[in-house]
C-alpha atoms as a PDB file:
ATOM      1  CA  UNK A   1    -198.020  33.861-113.879  1.00  0.00           C
ATOM      2  CA  UNK A   2    -195.191  32.320-116.921  1.00  0.00           C
ATOM      3  CA  UNK A   3    -191.955  31.207-117.388  1.00  0.00           C
ATOM      4  CA  UNK A   4    -190.336  30.377-120.519  1.00  0.00           C
ATOM      5  CA  UNK A   5    -189.698  26.271-120.395  1.00  0.00           C
ATOM      6  CA  UNK A   6    -186.009  25.938-119.392  1.00  0.00           C
ATOM      7  CA  UNK A   7    -183.966  24.529-121.787  1.00  0.00           C
ATOM      8  CA  UNK A   8    -179.832  22.539-121.581  1.00  0.00           C
ATOM      9  CA  UNK A   9    -177.805  23.881-123.857  1.00  0.00           C
ATOM     10  CA  UNK A  10    -175.969  20.410-125.467  1.00  0.00           C
ATOM     11  CA  UNK A  11    -178.002  20.498-129.015  1.00  0.00           C
ATOM     12  CA  UNK A  12    -175.865  17.495-129.174  1.00  0.00           C
ATOM     13  CA  UNK A  13    -177.529  15.528-127.108  1.00  0.00           C
ATOM     14  CA  UNK A  14    -181.488  13.405-128.344  1.00  0.00           C
ATOM     15  CA  UNK A  15    -183.760  16.325-127.212  1.00  0.00           C
ATOM     16  CA  UNK A  16    -187.190  15.800-125.021  1.00  0.00           C
ATOM     17  CA  UNK A  17    -189.634  18.340-124.024  1.00  0.00           C
ATOM     18  CA  UNK A  18    -191.475  17.281-120.770  1.00  0.00           C
ATOM     19  CA  UNK A  19    -194.562  18.499-119.378  1.00  0.00           C
ATOM     20  CA  UNK A  20    -195.305  18.035-115.785  1.00  0.00           C
ATOM     21  CA  UNK A  21    -199.256  19.470-115.018  1.00  0.00           C
ATOM     22  CA  UNK A  22    -199.308  19.792-111.796  1.00  0.00           C
ATOM     23  CA  UNK A  23    -202.413  20.669-109.408  1.00  0.00           C
ATOM     24  CA  UNK A  24    -201.537  20.053-106.131  1.00  0.00           C
ATOM     25  CA  UNK A  25    -198.310  17.912-105.773  1.00  0.00           C
ATOM     26  CA  UNK A  26    -195.929  19.957-104.087  1.00  0.00           C
ATOM     27  CA  UNK A  27    -195.467  16.965-101.659  1.00  0.00           C
ATOM     28  CA  UNK A  28    -194.341  15.308-105.108  1.00  0.00           C
ATOM     29  CA  UNK A  29    -192.751  17.392-108.061  1.00  0.00           C
ATOM     30  CA  UNK A  30    -189.178  18.438-106.673  1.00  0.00           C
ATOM     31  CA  UNK A  31    -188.372  14.323-106.299  1.00  0.00           C
ATOM     32  CA  UNK A  32    -189.987  14.107-109.679  1.00  0.00           C
ATOM     33  CA  UNK A  33    -188.098  17.569-111.600  1.00  0.00           C
ATOM     34  CA  UNK A  34    -185.515  16.047-110.079  1.00  0.00           C
ATOM     35  CA  UNK A  35    -185.338  11.932-111.602  1.00  0.00           C
ATOM     36  CA  UNK A  36    -185.998  13.967-114.729  1.00  0.00           C
ATOM     37  CA  UNK A  37    -183.059  16.786-114.157  1.00  0.00           C
ATOM     38  CA  UNK A  38    -180.715  14.046-113.056  1.00  0.00           C
ATOM     39  CA  UNK A  39    -181.136  11.771-117.047  1.00  0.00           C
ATOM     40  CA  UNK A  40    -177.910  12.015-118.585  1.00  0.00           C
ATOM     41  CA  UNK A  41    -177.374  12.934-121.963  1.00  0.00           C
ATOM     42  CA  UNK A  42    -180.849  13.628-123.048  1.00  0.00           C
ATOM     43  CA  UNK A  43    -181.801  17.353-124.189  1.00  0.00           C
ATOM     44  CA  UNK A  44    -184.390  18.405-121.758  1.00  0.00           C
ATOM     45  CA  UNK A  45    -186.595  21.811-121.677  1.00  0.00           C
ATOM     46  CA  UNK A  46    -189.276  21.417-118.764  1.00  0.00           C
ATOM     47  CA  UNK A  47    -192.879  23.131-118.473  1.00  0.00           C
ATOM     48  CA  UNK A  48    -194.496  22.829-115.130  1.00  0.00           C
ATOM     49  CA  UNK A  49    -198.450  23.623-115.743  1.00  0.00           C
ATOM     50  CA  UNK A  50    -199.604  24.311-112.402  1.00  0.00           C
ATOM     51  CA  UNK A  51    -203.106  23.649-112.656  1.00  0.00           C
ATOM     52  CA  UNK A  52    -204.196  26.069-109.598  1.00  0.00           C
ATOM     53  CA  UNK A  53    -203.004  24.644-106.441  1.00  0.00           C
ATOM     54  CA  UNK A  54    -203.105  25.788-103.144  1.00  0.00           C
ATOM     55  CA  UNK A  55    -201.238  24.175-101.949  1.00  0.00           C
ATOM     56  CA  UNK A  56    -197.901  26.514-102.217  1.00  0.00           C
ATOM     57  CA  UNK A  57    -197.301  24.755-105.569  1.00  0.00           C
ATOM     58  CA  UNK A  58    -196.466  27.669-107.692  1.00  0.00           C
ATOM     59  CA  UNK A  59    -194.003  29.379-104.374  1.00  0.00           C
ATOM     60  CA  UNK A  60    -192.592  26.698-105.037  1.00  0.00           C
ATOM     61  CA  UNK A  61    -191.424  26.310-108.820  1.00  0.00           C
ATOM     62  CA  UNK A  62    -191.212  30.564-108.101  1.00  0.00           C
ATOM     63  CA  UNK A  63    -188.646  29.787-105.646  1.00  0.00           C
ATOM     64  CA  UNK A  64    -187.008  26.927-107.268  1.00  0.00           C
ATOM     65  CA  UNK A  65    -186.754  28.362-110.876  1.00  0.00           C
ATOM     66  CA  UNK A  66    -188.137  25.851-112.161  1.00  0.00           C
ATOM     67  CA  UNK A  67    -190.184  26.999-115.486  1.00  0.00           C
ATOM     68  CA  UNK A  68    -193.663  26.791-115.468  1.00  0.00           C
ATOM     69  CA  UNK A  69    -197.377  28.565-116.021  1.00  0.00           C
ATOM     70  CA  UNK A  70    -199.522  28.506-113.288  1.00  0.00           C
ATOM     71  CA  UNK A  71    -203.386  28.236-114.240  1.00  0.00           C
ATOM     72  CA  UNK A  72    -206.062  30.709-112.128  1.00  0.00           C
ATOM     73  CA  UNK A  73    -208.104  26.999-112.652  1.00  0.00           C
ATOM     74  CA  UNK A  74    -208.468  23.812-112.912  1.00  0.00           C
ATOM     75  CA  UNK A  75    -208.525  23.176-116.556  1.00  0.00           C
ATOM     76  CA  UNK A  76    -207.988  19.668-116.079  1.00  0.00           C
ATOM     77  CA  UNK A  77    -204.516  17.382-117.017  1.00  0.00           C
ATOM     78  CA  UNK A  78    -205.472  17.136-120.857  1.00  0.00           C
ATOM     79  CA  UNK A  79    -205.700  21.083-122.440  1.00  0.00           C
ATOM     80  CA  UNK A  80    -202.550  21.218-119.348  1.00  0.00           C
ATOM     81  CA  UNK A  81    -200.966  19.496-120.869  1.00  0.00           C
ATOM     82  CA  UNK A  82    -201.814  20.950-124.604  1.00  0.00           C
ATOM     83  CA  UNK A  83    -200.497  24.175-123.824  1.00  0.00           C
ATOM     84  CA  UNK A  84    -197.778  22.746-122.675  1.00  0.00           C
ATOM     85  CA  UNK A  85    -197.493  21.211-125.904  1.00  0.00           C
ATOM     86  CA  UNK A  86    -197.773  24.172-128.386  1.00  0.00           C
ATOM     87  CA  UNK A  87    -195.239  26.431-125.491  1.00  0.00           C
ATOM     88  CA  UNK A  88    -192.195  23.801-126.162  1.00  0.00           C
ATOM     89  CA  UNK A  89    -189.775  22.296-129.637  1.00  0.00           C
ATOM     90  CA  UNK A  90    -188.208  19.090-128.854  1.00  0.00           C
ATOM     91  CA  UNK A  91    -189.316  16.624-131.798  1.00  0.00           C
ATOM     92  CA  UNK A  92    -190.759  14.491-128.853  1.00  0.00           C
ATOM     93  CA  UNK A  93    -192.958  14.512-125.824  1.00  0.00           C
ATOM     94  CA  UNK A  94    -192.894  12.919-122.032  1.00  0.00           C
ATOM     95  CA  UNK A  95    -195.527  13.116-120.712  1.00  0.00           C
ATOM     96  CA  UNK A  96    -195.112  12.828-116.665  1.00  0.00           C
ATOM     97  CA  UNK A  97    -197.025  13.475-113.583  1.00  0.00           C
ATOM     98  CA  UNK A  98    -196.439  15.048-110.760  1.00  0.00           C
ATOM     99  CA  UNK A  99    -196.408  12.065-108.524  1.00  0.00           C
ATOM    100  CA  UNK A 100    -193.857  10.270-111.016  1.00  0.00           C
ATOM    101  CA  UNK A 101    -189.730   9.649-109.928  1.00  0.00           C
ATOM    102  CA  UNK A 102    -187.884   9.102-113.271  1.00  0.00           C
ATOM    103  CA  UNK A 103    -185.502   5.563-112.641  1.00  0.00           C
ATOM    104  CA  UNK A 104    -181.975   6.448-113.746  1.00  0.00           C
ATOM    105  CA  UNK A 105    -181.061   6.925-117.925  1.00  0.00           C
ATOM    106  CA  UNK A 106    -185.614   5.958-118.698  1.00  0.00           C
ATOM    107  CA  UNK A 107    -185.784   8.903-120.429  1.00  0.00           C
ATOM    108  CA  UNK A 108    -182.716   7.464-122.505  1.00  0.00           C
ATOM    109  CA  UNK A 109    -183.775   4.553-123.077  1.00  0.00           C
ATOM    110  CA  UNK A 110    -187.169   5.391-123.806  1.00  0.00           C
ATOM    111  CA  UNK A 111    -185.934   8.178-126.509  1.00  0.00           C
ATOM    112  CA  UNK A 112    -183.398   5.365-127.889  1.00  0.00           C
ATOM    113  CA  UNK A 113    -186.497   3.028-128.101  1.00  0.00           C
ATOM    114  CA  UNK A 114    -188.381   6.008-131.166  1.00  0.00           C
ATOM    115  CA  UNK A 115    -185.527   6.202-132.566  1.00  0.00           C
ATOM    116  CA  UNK A 116    -185.440   2.083-133.377  1.00  0.00           C
ATOM    117  CA  UNK A 117    -189.533   2.506-135.822  1.00  0.00           C
ATOM    118  CA  UNK A 118    -191.166   6.012-137.489  1.00  0.00           C
ATOM    119  CA  UNK A 119    -194.303   3.960-137.125  1.00  0.00           C
ATOM    120  CA  UNK A 120    -193.938   4.689-133.317  1.00  0.00           C
ATOM    121  CA  UNK A 121    -195.894   6.718-131.944  1.00  0.00           C
ATOM    122  CA  UNK A 122    -194.420   6.610-127.889  1.00  0.00           C
ATOM    123  CA  UNK A 123    -193.430   4.300-125.696  1.00  0.00           C
ATOM    124  CA  UNK A 124    -194.200   3.720-121.602  1.00  0.00           C
ATOM    125  CA  UNK A 125    -191.374   2.539-119.069  1.00  0.00           C
ATOM    126  CA  UNK A 126    -192.484   0.158-116.899  1.00  0.00           C
ATOM    127  CA  UNK A 127    -194.138   1.789-113.997  1.00  0.00           C
ATOM    128  CA  UNK A 128    -193.411   0.966-110.852  1.00  0.00           C
ATOM    129  CA  UNK A 129    -196.536   1.772-107.637  1.00  0.00           C
ATOM    130  CA  UNK A 130    -194.388   2.180-104.863  1.00  0.00           C
ATOM    131  CA  UNK A 131    -194.396  -0.661-102.630  1.00  0.00           C
ATOM    132  CA  UNK A 132    -194.726  -0.844 -99.037  1.00  0.00           C
ATOM    133  CA  UNK A 133    -191.760  -1.603 -96.249  1.00  0.00           C
ATOM    134  CA  UNK A 134    -191.147  -5.051 -97.068  1.00  0.00           C
ATOM    135  CA  UNK A 135    -193.836  -5.756 -99.786  1.00  0.00           C
ATOM    136  CA  UNK A 136    -192.580  -6.984-103.910  1.00  0.00           C
ATOM    137  CA  UNK A 137    -193.145  -3.938-105.624  1.00  0.00           C
ATOM    138  CA  UNK A 138    -196.111  -4.173-107.669  1.00  0.00           C
ATOM    139  CA  UNK A 139    -197.166  -2.655-111.003  1.00  0.00           C
ATOM    140  CA  UNK A 140    -198.996   0.210-111.584  1.00  0.00           C
ATOM    141  CA  UNK A 141    -198.328  -0.198-115.747  1.00  0.00           C
ATOM    142  CA  UNK A 142    -196.800  -2.223-118.474  1.00  0.00           C
ATOM    143  CA  UNK A 143    -198.767  -1.230-121.176  1.00  0.00           C
ATOM    144  CA  UNK A 144    -202.654  -0.330-122.134  1.00  0.00           C
ATOM    145  CA  UNK A 145    -205.416  -2.604-123.483  1.00  0.00           C
ATOM    146  CA  UNK A 146    -208.764  -1.422-124.431  1.00  0.00           C
ATOM    147  CA  UNK A 147    -211.594  -4.015-124.313  1.00  0.00           C
ATOM    148  CA  UNK A 148    -214.959  -4.693-126.419  1.00  0.00           C
ATOM    149  CA  UNK A 149    -216.775  -2.237-123.552  1.00  0.00           C
ATOM    150  CA  UNK A 150    -214.517   0.948-124.344  1.00  0.00           C
ATOM    151  CA  UNK A 151    -213.462  -0.206-120.042  1.00  0.00           C
ATOM    152  CA  UNK A 152    -210.097   0.881-121.082  1.00  0.00           C
ATOM    153  CA  UNK A 153    -207.070  -0.625-117.942  1.00  0.00           C
ATOM    154  CA  UNK A 154    -204.017  -1.174-117.152  1.00  0.00           C
ATOM    155  CA  UNK A 155    -201.364  -3.964-118.127  1.00  0.00           C
ATOM    156  CA  UNK A 156    -200.373  -5.840-114.875  1.00  0.00           C
ATOM    157  CA  UNK A 157    -201.868  -3.788-111.869  1.00  0.00           C
ATOM    158  CA  UNK A 158    -202.078  -4.676-109.353  1.00  0.00           C
ATOM    159  CA  UNK A 159    -199.398  -7.137-110.312  1.00  0.00           C
ATOM    160  CA  UNK A 160    -196.004  -8.615-108.421  1.00  0.00           C
ATOM    161  CA  UNK A 161    -193.555  -7.650-110.718  1.00  0.00           C
ATOM    162  CA  UNK A 162    -191.587 -10.333-112.557  1.00  0.00           C
ATOM    163  CA  UNK A 163    -190.243 -12.059-115.729  1.00  0.00           C
ATOM    164  CA  UNK A 164    -193.871 -11.902-117.662  1.00  0.00           C
ATOM    165  CA  UNK A 165    -193.373  -7.891-117.050  1.00  0.00           C
ATOM    166  CA  UNK A 166    -189.784  -8.194-118.291  1.00  0.00           C
ATOM    167  CA  UNK A 167    -189.691  -7.688-122.231  1.00  0.00           C
ATOM    168  CA  UNK A 168    -190.586  -5.222-124.772  1.00  0.00           C
ATOM    169  CA  UNK A 169    -193.460  -5.640-126.732  1.00  0.00           C
ATOM    170  CA  UNK A 170    -195.742  -3.967-129.476  1.00  0.00           C
ATOM    171  CA  UNK A 171    -198.817  -2.918-127.002  1.00  0.00           C
ATOM    172  CA  UNK A 172    -202.170  -0.524-127.288  1.00  0.00           C
ATOM    173  CA  UNK A 173    -201.603   2.561-126.054  1.00  0.00           C
ATOM    174  CA  UNK A 174    -198.949   4.008-123.531  1.00  0.00           C
ATOM    175  CA  UNK A 175    -200.610   4.796-120.098  1.00  0.00           C
ATOM    176  CA  UNK A 176    -200.475   9.234-119.681  1.00  0.00           C
ATOM    177  CA  UNK A 177    -198.738   8.819-115.960  1.00  0.00           C
ATOM    178  CA  UNK A 178    -195.707   8.679-118.015  1.00  0.00           C
ATOM    179  CA  UNK A 179    -195.213   7.854-121.472  1.00  0.00           C
ATOM    180  CA  UNK A 180    -192.526   9.662-124.999  1.00  0.00           C
ATOM    181  CA  UNK A 181    -194.544  10.912-128.114  1.00  0.00           C
ATOM    182  CA  UNK A 182    -193.733  12.416-130.907  1.00  0.00           C
ATOM    183  CA  UNK A 183    -194.077  15.499-131.452  1.00  0.00           C
ATOM    184  CA  UNK A 184    -195.783  14.619-134.943  1.00  0.00           C
ATOM    185  CA  UNK A 185    -198.486  12.498-133.747  1.00  0.00           C
ATOM    186  CA  UNK A 186    -199.878  14.854-130.838  1.00  0.00           C
ATOM    187  CA  UNK A 187    -199.246  17.619-134.286  1.00  0.00           C
ATOM    188  CA  UNK A 188    -201.332  14.938-136.270  1.00  0.00           C
ATOM    189  CA  UNK A 189    -204.493  14.799-133.790  1.00  0.00           C
ATOM    190  CA  UNK A 190    -204.495  18.089-132.149  1.00  0.00           C
ATOM    191  CA  UNK A 191    -202.630  15.897-129.191  1.00  0.00           C
ATOM    192  CA  UNK A 192    -205.442  14.482-126.056  1.00  0.00           C
ATOM    193  CA  UNK A 193    -209.654  16.083-126.651  1.00  0.00           C
ATOM    194  CA  UNK A 194    -209.309  19.078-123.780  1.00  0.00           C
ATOM    195  CA  UNK A 195    -213.932  17.879-123.482  1.00  0.00           C
ATOM    196  CA  UNK A 196    -212.288  14.650-121.243  1.00  0.00           C
ATOM    197  CA  UNK A 197    -210.588  17.006-118.764  1.00  0.00           C
ATOM    198  CA  UNK A 198    -209.241  13.954-117.427  1.00  0.00           C
ATOM    199  CA  UNK A 199    -209.788   9.841-117.691  1.00  0.00           C
ATOM    200  CA  UNK A 200    -210.047   8.268-120.520  1.00  0.00           C
ATOM    201  CA  UNK A 201    -208.049  11.215-122.734  1.00  0.00           C
ATOM    202  CA  UNK A 202    -205.032   8.495-123.477  1.00  0.00           C
ATOM    203  CA  UNK A 203    -207.257   5.831-124.304  1.00  0.00           C
ATOM    204  CA  UNK A 204    -208.727   7.926-126.557  1.00  0.00           C
ATOM    205  CA  UNK A 205    -205.176   9.474-127.837  1.00  0.00           C
ATOM    206  CA  UNK A 206    -204.324   6.276-128.494  1.00  0.00           C
ATOM    207  CA  UNK A 207    -206.641   5.167-129.905  1.00  0.00           C
ATOM    208  CA  UNK A 208    -207.328   7.996-132.962  1.00  0.00           C
ATOM    209  CA  UNK A 209    -203.351   7.623-133.364  1.00  0.00           C
ATOM    210  CA  UNK A 210    -204.025   2.944-134.212  1.00  0.00           C
ATOM    211  CA  UNK A 211    -206.595   4.567-136.275  1.00  0.00           C
ATOM    212  CA  UNK A 212    -204.206   6.648-137.510  1.00  0.00           C
ATOM    213  CA  UNK A 213    -202.229   4.136-138.252  1.00  0.00           C
ATOM    214  CA  UNK A 214    -199.679   4.753-135.961  1.00  0.00           C
ATOM    215  CA  UNK A 215    -198.126   1.793-132.833  1.00  0.00           C
ATOM    216  CA  UNK A 216    -197.015   1.888-129.544  1.00  0.00           C
ATOM    217  CA  UNK A 217    -194.236  -0.066-127.422  1.00  0.00           C
ATOM    218  CA  UNK A 218    -193.610  -1.319-124.050  1.00  0.00           C
ATOM    219  CA  UNK A 219    -189.750  -0.762-122.513  1.00  0.00           C
ATOM    220  CA  UNK A 220    -189.749  -2.183-119.257  1.00  0.00           C
ATOM    221  CA  UNK A 221    -185.534  -1.320-119.414  1.00  0.00           C
ATOM    222  CA  UNK A 222    -186.557   1.624-119.242  1.00  0.00           C
ATOM    223  CA  UNK A 223    -188.300   1.730-115.097  1.00  0.00           C
ATOM    224  CA  UNK A 224    -190.799   4.685-113.226  1.00  0.00           C
ATOM    225  CA  UNK A 225    -192.294   4.722-110.080  1.00  0.00           C
ATOM    226  CA  UNK A 226    -195.460   6.249-109.767  1.00  0.00           C
ATOM    227  CA  UNK A 227    -197.439   7.049-106.245  1.00  0.00           C
ATOM    228  CA  UNK A 228    -200.957   7.652-108.088  1.00  0.00           C
ATOM    229  CA  UNK A 229    -203.533   9.696-106.829  1.00  0.00           C
ATOM    230  CA  UNK A 230    -201.398  12.107-104.428  1.00  0.00           C
ATOM    231  CA  UNK A 231    -204.124  15.212-105.467  1.00  0.00           C
ATOM    232  CA  UNK A 232    -206.977  13.223-105.696  1.00  0.00           C
ATOM    233  CA  UNK A 233    -207.356  11.068-102.968  1.00  0.00           C
ATOM    234  CA  UNK A 234    -207.076  13.828-100.284  1.00  0.00           C
ATOM    235  CA  UNK A 235    -210.759  15.753-102.345  1.00  0.00           C
ATOM    236  CA  UNK A 236    -213.926  14.095-100.625  1.00  0.00           C
ATOM    237  CA  UNK A 237    -215.946  15.031-104.097  1.00  0.00           C
ATOM    238  CA  UNK A 238    -213.428  12.454-105.810  1.00  0.00           C
ATOM    239  CA  UNK A 239    -214.962   9.551-105.655  1.00  0.00           C
ATOM    240  CA  UNK A 240    -218.225  11.349-107.861  1.00  0.00           C
ATOM    241  CA  UNK A 241    -216.335  13.468-109.766  1.00  0.00           C
ATOM    242  CA  UNK A 242    -214.313  10.264-111.457  1.00  0.00           C
ATOM    243  CA  UNK A 243    -216.807   8.635-111.570  1.00  0.00           C
ATOM    244  CA  UNK A 244    -219.114  11.064-113.546  1.00  0.00           C
ATOM    245  CA  UNK A 245    -216.224  12.089-116.329  1.00  0.00           C
ATOM    246  CA  UNK A 246    -215.761   7.751-116.405  1.00  0.00           C
ATOM    247  CA  UNK A 247    -218.590   7.696-117.557  1.00  0.00           C
ATOM    248  CA  UNK A 248    -218.754   9.779-119.760  1.00  0.00           C
ATOM    249  CA  UNK A 249    -215.821   9.838-121.448  1.00  0.00           C
ATOM    250  CA  UNK A 250    -216.069   5.618-121.620  1.00  0.00           C
ATOM    251  CA  UNK A 251    -219.104   6.122-123.391  1.00  0.00           C
ATOM    252  CA  UNK A 252    -217.530   9.173-125.634  1.00  0.00           C
ATOM    253  CA  UNK A 253    -213.999   6.988-127.457  1.00  0.00           C
ATOM    254  CA  UNK A 254    -216.625   4.063-127.471  1.00  0.00           C
ATOM    255  CA  UNK A 255    -218.846   6.184-130.395  1.00  0.00           C
ATOM    256  CA  UNK A 256    -215.349   8.536-131.605  1.00  0.00           C
ATOM    257  CA  UNK A 257    -213.368   5.140-131.493  1.00  0.00           C
ATOM    258  CA  UNK A 258    -215.352   1.309-131.783  1.00  0.00           C
ATOM    259  CA  UNK A 259    -216.103  -1.074-134.223  1.00  0.00           C
ATOM    260  CA  UNK A 260    -220.322  -0.876-134.888  1.00  0.00           C
ATOM    261  CA  UNK A 261    -220.048  -5.123-133.539  1.00  0.00           C
ATOM    262  CA  UNK A 262    -219.431  -3.841-130.366  1.00  0.00           C
ATOM    263  CA  UNK A 263    -221.704  -1.789-128.948  1.00  0.00           C
ATOM    264  CA  UNK A 264    -224.082  -4.458-126.877  1.00  0.00           C
ATOM    265  CA  UNK A 265    -221.103  -5.460-124.879  1.00  0.00           C
ATOM    266  CA  UNK A 266    -220.735  -1.490-124.497  1.00  0.00           C
ATOM    267  CA  UNK A 267    -224.022  -1.517-123.985  1.00  0.00           C
ATOM    268  CA  UNK A 268    -223.914  -4.015-120.817  1.00  0.00           C
ATOM    269  CA  UNK A 269    -221.629  -2.442-119.584  1.00  0.00           C
ATOM    270  CA  UNK A 270    -222.685   0.909-118.911  1.00  0.00           C
ATOM    271  CA  UNK A 271    -225.880  -0.714-118.425  1.00  0.00           C
ATOM    272  CA  UNK A 272    -224.441  -2.842-114.900  1.00  0.00           C
ATOM    273  CA  UNK A 273    -222.327   0.226-114.265  1.00  0.00           C
ATOM    274  CA  UNK A 274    -225.361   2.374-113.617  1.00  0.00           C
ATOM    275  CA  UNK A 275    -227.662  -0.482-111.709  1.00  0.00           C
ATOM    276  CA  UNK A 276    -224.253  -0.959-109.786  1.00  0.00           C
ATOM    277  CA  UNK A 277    -224.285   2.787-109.034  1.00  0.00           C
ATOM    278  CA  UNK A 278    -226.613   3.331-106.135  1.00  0.00           C
ATOM    279  CA  UNK A 279    -225.957   0.288-104.232  1.00  0.00           C
ATOM    280  CA  UNK A 280    -221.714   2.258-104.588  1.00  0.00           C
ATOM    281  CA  UNK A 281    -222.991   5.773-103.210  1.00  0.00           C
ATOM    282  CA  UNK A 282    -222.367   7.106-106.383  1.00  0.00           C
ATOM    283  CA  UNK A 283    -226.154   6.336-107.777  1.00  0.00           C
ATOM    284  CA  UNK A 284    -226.099  10.483-109.387  1.00  0.00           C
ATOM    285  CA  UNK A 285    -222.805  10.784-110.384  1.00  0.00           C
ATOM    286  CA  UNK A 286    -222.543   7.477-112.314  1.00  0.00           C
ATOM    287  CA  UNK A 287    -226.331   9.000-114.319  1.00  0.00           C
ATOM    288  CA  UNK A 288    -225.313  12.033-114.580  1.00  0.00           C
ATOM    289  CA  UNK A 289    -222.553  10.667-116.714  1.00  0.00           C
ATOM    290  CA  UNK A 290    -224.280   9.196-119.022  1.00  0.00           C
ATOM    291  CA  UNK A 291    -226.060  11.459-120.259  1.00  0.00           C
ATOM    292  CA  UNK A 292    -223.821  14.558-120.419  1.00  0.00           C
ATOM    293  CA  UNK A 293    -221.709  12.908-123.118  1.00  0.00           C
ATOM    294  CA  UNK A 294    -225.274  12.804-125.500  1.00  0.00           C
ATOM    295  CA  UNK A 295    -224.930  16.404-125.534  1.00  0.00           C
ATOM    296  CA  UNK A 296    -221.369  15.471-127.694  1.00  0.00           C
ATOM    297  CA  UNK A 297    -223.834  13.309-129.392  1.00  0.00           C
ATOM    298  CA  UNK A 298    -224.074  14.990-132.887  1.00  0.00           C
ATOM    299  CA  UNK A 299    -220.376  15.881-132.556  1.00  0.00           C
ATOM    300  CA  UNK A 300    -218.533  12.304-131.956  1.00  0.00           C
ATOM    301  CA  UNK A 301    -221.403  11.018-134.199  1.00  0.00           C
ATOM    302  CA  UNK A 302    -218.603  13.102-137.702  1.00  0.00           C
ATOM    303  CA  UNK A 303    -215.011  12.335-135.563  1.00  0.00           C
ATOM    304  CA  UNK A 304    -216.100   8.782-135.650  1.00  0.00           C
ATOM    305  CA  UNK A 305    -217.178   9.057-140.044  1.00  0.00           C
ATOM    306  CA  UNK A 306    -214.269  10.945-140.045  1.00  0.00           C
ATOM    307  CA  UNK A 307    -212.019   8.610-138.250  1.00  0.00           C
ATOM    308  CA  UNK A 308    -212.990   5.301-140.308  1.00  0.00           C
ATOM    309  CA  UNK A 309    -212.956   7.763-142.940  1.00  0.00           C
ATOM    310  CA  UNK A 310    -208.890   7.704-142.590  1.00  0.00           C
ATOM    311  CA  UNK A 311    -208.676   3.786-143.430  1.00  0.00           C
ATOM    312  CA  UNK A 312    -207.504   2.454-140.873  1.00  0.00           C
ATOM    313  CA  UNK A 313    -208.106  -0.421-139.281  1.00  0.00           C
ATOM    314  CA  UNK A 314    -205.489  -1.031-136.250  1.00  0.00           C
ATOM    315  CA  UNK A 315    -207.527  -1.032-133.550  1.00  0.00           C
ATOM    316  CA  UNK A 316    -209.342  -4.031-134.268  1.00  0.00           C
ATOM    317  CA  UNK A 317    -206.645  -6.429-132.829  1.00  0.00           C
ATOM    318  CA  UNK A 318    -205.972  -4.783-129.997  1.00  0.00           C
ATOM    319  CA  UNK A 319    -209.261  -5.319-128.674  1.00  0.00           C
ATOM    320  CA  UNK A 320    -209.523  -7.479-125.423  1.00  0.00           C
ATOM    321  CA  UNK A 321    -212.862  -9.574-123.750  1.00  0.00           C
ATOM    322  CA  UNK A 322    -211.458  -8.720-120.214  1.00  0.00           C
ATOM    323  CA  UNK A 323    -214.468  -7.704-117.583  1.00  0.00           C
ATOM    324  CA  UNK A 324    -212.647  -4.706-116.341  1.00  0.00           C
ATOM    325  CA  UNK A 325    -216.361  -2.460-115.594  1.00  0.00           C
ATOM    326  CA  UNK A 326    -215.569  -2.150-111.866  1.00  0.00           C
ATOM    327  CA  UNK A 327    -217.533   1.492-111.114  1.00  0.00           C
ATOM    328  CA  UNK A 328    -215.314   4.385-109.860  1.00  0.00           C
ATOM    329  CA  UNK A 329    -212.024   2.329-110.075  1.00  0.00           C
ATOM    330  CA  UNK A 330    -209.768   5.205-110.876  1.00  0.00           C
ATOM    331  CA  UNK A 331    -207.617   5.512-113.823  1.00  0.00           C
ATOM    332  CA  UNK A 332    -204.203   8.099-113.709  1.00  0.00           C
END
């Protein structure tokens, strides 16, 4: 089932397409969409891509009159977002997880930030993890970072919110849970790599954008709340699937974008993960994920040559030495 993206009528306001991939998140998506619709002074083109949900999501979207495309099966985050981007027209794309709620003015603040500099490919808000009763709010993401071992991580994740995360700054890349991207960037790079299905597709897009000379910014004056694991937490097989995709996609990203000097660090991180995996009950998943990327290797090497030939050297200054190789840590 397909419904045309909904568009607000005031074309004099800044325009953004809000694309929401959804999979079994019916208990969250109403709040997510309500927060988008409450945005003032923005012309929103809203489209939900449902990845074969079995929890009544499609029925809810239909009854609520929310523009959506219902897919018969889960095609993954990357392909869902790419399809939504293809179906919309606004010059800016807000990629938004269904379990995210925008605080008032978030989208308008992001739009203002990206408009200040034509070299900025994307911006992200301060993303907060909902706090338990009586506890301080924690950071979910204050920007994305990438290590020399090809580990992507969210800056500040799990840390208390505070002054350290209150200043706007340039970052390696933006978190895929909620980020505003230029359509120009998305078109130029072909969107997310659909082979990834999920996990590391945002790391890969950020890295390719950096190599093409684009930049990213963290905008703490914009605020969003992200539950995280809304659908995956319900799946008994989620951990093994997570590990398999993470191992595969991390290796693929390393081959595609990292400088040759990083190879020893990448190999060491992969070896550590493989050795540790049996003790964590995910040995087969880790091994399978590591081996499965080898089928992509010829294509990955061709992509590496093409990306390096583009002349961009903007990735190197953003690689960190932080050791974040905890096997199976769920990104997104």
